């Protein structure tokens, strides 16, 4: 039986590589090879295949929001007036063009989308909300949730 791409990605060796790289993308290939019990060449080739399939979507530095002058993180829950495919696609297109939107999620529940934005302060968020987000068509309501504290990582203490 031929394995699908998903089955190949979820092989234990690949999962171990993905978990290790998610914790520290700068882990040397030689060290990863020891972790998974493969040669450095085989490990490097697996990583390249994981990149090609989209299982690895990039390597990023996690930078503190305050260090770049945006210490205020806000989640904006958006409920749309209509839920036609064209309307949803249009909203996604519009929010994808707004530079302040760091991430968006299409969600279930009382709201339809959750947007994550990082701002320098409340005045910046008010400008974003009133001048950019509220100007988009088809928005019924927006609920803002300001982050007081957060942690990032798989194993949080």
Protein backbone atom coordinates (compact mmCIF):
# COMPACT_ATOMS: atom_id res chain seq x y z
CA UNK A 1 0.00 0.00 0.00
CA UNK A 2 1.33 3.41 -1.00
CA UNK A 3 1.45 6.01 1.80
CA UNK A 4 -0.29 9.36 1.38
CA UNK A 5 1.60 12.63 1.97
CA UNK A 6 -0.18 13.04 5.31
CA UNK A 7 0.76 9.51 6.41
CA UNK A 8 4.40 10.15 5.46
CA UNK A 9 4.46 13.44 7.38
CA UNK A 10 3.02 11.84 10.51
CA UNK A 11 5.67 9.11 10.63
CA UNK A 12 7.25 9.13 14.12
CA UNK A 13 10.62 10.39 12.84
CA UNK A 14 9.01 13.31 11.04
CA UNK A 15 6.83 14.18 14.04
CA UNK A 16 9.92 14.16 16.26
CA UNK A 17 11.71 16.49 13.82
CA UNK A 18 8.73 18.84 13.64
CA UNK A 19 8.41 18.97 17.44
CA UNK A 20 12.14 19.64 17.87
CA UNK A 21 12.14 22.38 15.23
CA UNK A 22 9.00 23.95 16.72
CA UNK A 23 10.83 24.25 20.05
CA UNK A 24 14.05 25.55 18.50
CA UNK A 25 14.32 26.11 14.76
CA UNK A 26 18.05 26.74 15.15
CA UNK A 27 18.82 23.21 16.31
CA UNK A 28 21.73 21.94 14.19
CA UNK A 29 20.96 19.10 11.76
CA UNK A 30 23.60 16.92 13.43
CA UNK A 31 21.82 17.29 16.78
CA UNK A 32 18.43 16.57 15.17
CA UNK A 33 19.91 13.48 13.52
CA UNK A 34 21.02 12.12 16.88
CA UNK A 35 17.57 12.80 18.34
CA UNK A 36 15.79 10.81 15.61
CA UNK A 37 18.45 8.12 15.09
CA UNK A 38 19.21 8.96 11.46
CA UNK A 39 22.24 10.24 9.61
CA UNK A 40 22.69 13.98 9.19
CA UNK A 41 22.17 13.63 5.42
CA UNK A 42 18.94 11.65 5.82
CA UNK A 43 17.71 14.11 8.44
CA UNK A 44 18.48 17.08 6.20
CA UNK A 45 16.63 15.43 3.31
CA UNK A 46 13.60 14.79 5.55
CA UNK A 47 13.58 18.43 6.63
CA UNK A 48 13.68 19.53 2.98
CA UNK A 49 10.72 17.24 2.19
CA UNK A 50 8.80 18.60 5.19
CA UNK A 51 9.42 22.12 3.89
CA UNK A 52 8.32 21.14 0.37
CA UNK A 53 5.06 19.62 1.61
CA UNK A 54 4.23 22.69 3.72
CA UNK A 55 4.54 20.84 7.03
CA UNK A 56 7.29 23.36 7.83
CA UNK A 57 5.96 26.75 6.80
CA UNK A 58 8.95 28.86 7.71
CA UNK A 59 11.49 29.73 10.37
CA UNK A 60 10.84 32.79 12.52
CA UNK A 61 12.29 34.70 15.41
CA UNK A 62 9.79 35.18 18.22
CA UNK A 63 10.27 38.84 19.08
CA UNK A 64 8.81 40.51 22.15
CA UNK A 65 5.97 42.85 21.21
CA UNK A 66 7.25 45.59 23.54
CA UNK A 67 10.66 45.47 21.82
CA UNK A 68 9.07 46.59 18.54
CA UNK A 69 6.87 49.21 20.21
CA UNK A 70 3.62 47.22 20.15
CA UNK A 71 3.01 46.03 23.71
CA UNK A 72 -0.81 45.95 23.45
CA UNK A 73 -2.24 42.70 22.05
CA UNK A 74 -5.94 42.69 21.22
CA UNK A 75 -8.16 39.93 19.95
CA UNK A 76 -11.06 41.35 17.96
CA UNK A 77 -14.00 38.94 17.65
CA UNK A 78 -15.98 39.81 14.56
CA UNK A 79 -19.51 38.71 13.75
CA UNK A 80 -20.62 39.15 10.14
CA UNK A 81 -24.10 40.22 9.05
CA UNK A 82 -24.26 37.64 6.25
CA UNK A 83 -22.60 34.28 5.80
CA UNK A 84 -22.56 33.73 2.06
CA UNK A 85 -19.35 32.32 0.60
CA UNK A 86 -18.69 35.50 -1.39
CA UNK A 87 -19.16 37.63 1.71
CA UNK A 88 -16.79 35.53 3.80
CA UNK A 89 -14.21 35.44 1.00
CA UNK A 90 -14.47 39.23 0.67
CA UNK A 91 -13.97 39.72 4.40
CA UNK A 92 -10.91 37.44 4.38
CA UNK A 93 -9.49 39.35 1.42
CA UNK A 94 -10.10 42.69 3.17
CA UNK A 95 -8.58 41.75 6.55
CA UNK A 96 -5.60 40.13 4.83
CA UNK A 97 -4.76 43.56 3.39
CA UNK A 98 -4.77 45.34 6.77
CA UNK A 99 -1.19 45.39 8.03
CA UNK A 100 -2.17 45.56 11.70
CA UNK A 101 -3.86 42.14 11.49
CA UNK A 102 -1.13 39.74 12.59
CA UNK A 103 -3.32 36.63 12.43
CA UNK A 104 -6.93 35.79 11.76
CA UNK A 105 -8.99 32.73 12.54
CA UNK A 106 -12.34 31.68 11.06
CA UNK A 107 -14.09 30.31 14.14
CA UNK A 108 -17.32 28.75 15.37
CA UNK A 109 -19.57 30.11 18.09
CA UNK A 110 -21.17 33.52 18.54
CA UNK A 111 -18.56 35.22 16.38
CA UNK A 112 -17.24 34.34 12.94
CA UNK A 113 -13.65 35.58 13.02
CA UNK A 114 -10.99 36.25 15.63
CA UNK A 115 -8.31 38.77 14.65
CA UNK A 116 -5.07 39.26 16.56
CA UNK A 117 -3.56 42.72 16.40
CA UNK A 118 -0.60 44.25 18.22
CA UNK A 119 -0.67 47.98 18.88
CA UNK A 120 1.46 50.64 20.53
CA UNK A 121 -1.48 51.62 22.73
CA UNK A 122 -5.21 52.05 23.09
CA UNK A 123 -5.31 55.10 20.79
CA UNK A 124 -3.74 53.04 17.99
CA UNK A 125 -6.30 50.32 18.54
CA UNK A 126 -9.14 52.84 18.49
CA UNK A 127 -7.86 54.15 15.14
CA UNK A 128 -7.61 50.61 13.76
CA UNK A 129 -11.11 49.77 14.99
CA UNK A 130 -12.89 52.91 13.81
CA UNK A 131 -10.96 53.76 10.64
CA UNK A 132 -10.03 50.36 9.26
CA UNK A 133 -12.07 47.49 10.67
CA UNK A 134 -15.40 49.33 11.01
CA UNK A 135 -15.09 50.59 7.44
CA UNK A 136 -15.32 47.05 6.06
CA UNK A 137 -18.72 45.95 4.72
CA UNK A 138 -20.83 43.24 6.35
CA UNK A 139 -19.60 43.60 9.95
CA UNK A 140 -22.41 43.18 12.48
CA UNK A 141 -20.40 43.46 15.72
CA UNK A 142 -16.85 43.57 17.02
CA UNK A 143 -15.89 42.56 20.54
CA UNK A 144 -12.41 43.55 21.71
CA UNK A 145 -10.46 41.41 24.17
CA UNK A 146 -7.28 42.98 25.54
CA UNK A 147 -4.52 40.63 26.63
CA UNK A 148 -3.23 41.20 30.16
CA UNK A 149 -0.56 38.48 30.15
CA UNK A 150 0.36 35.54 27.96
CA UNK A 151 2.78 32.64 27.62
CA UNK A 152 3.96 30.92 24.49
CA UNK A 153 5.07 27.34 24.04
CA UNK A 154 4.06 23.74 24.17
CA UNK A 155 4.88 23.13 27.83
CA UNK A 156 3.87 26.20 29.80
CA UNK A 157 4.74 26.65 33.46
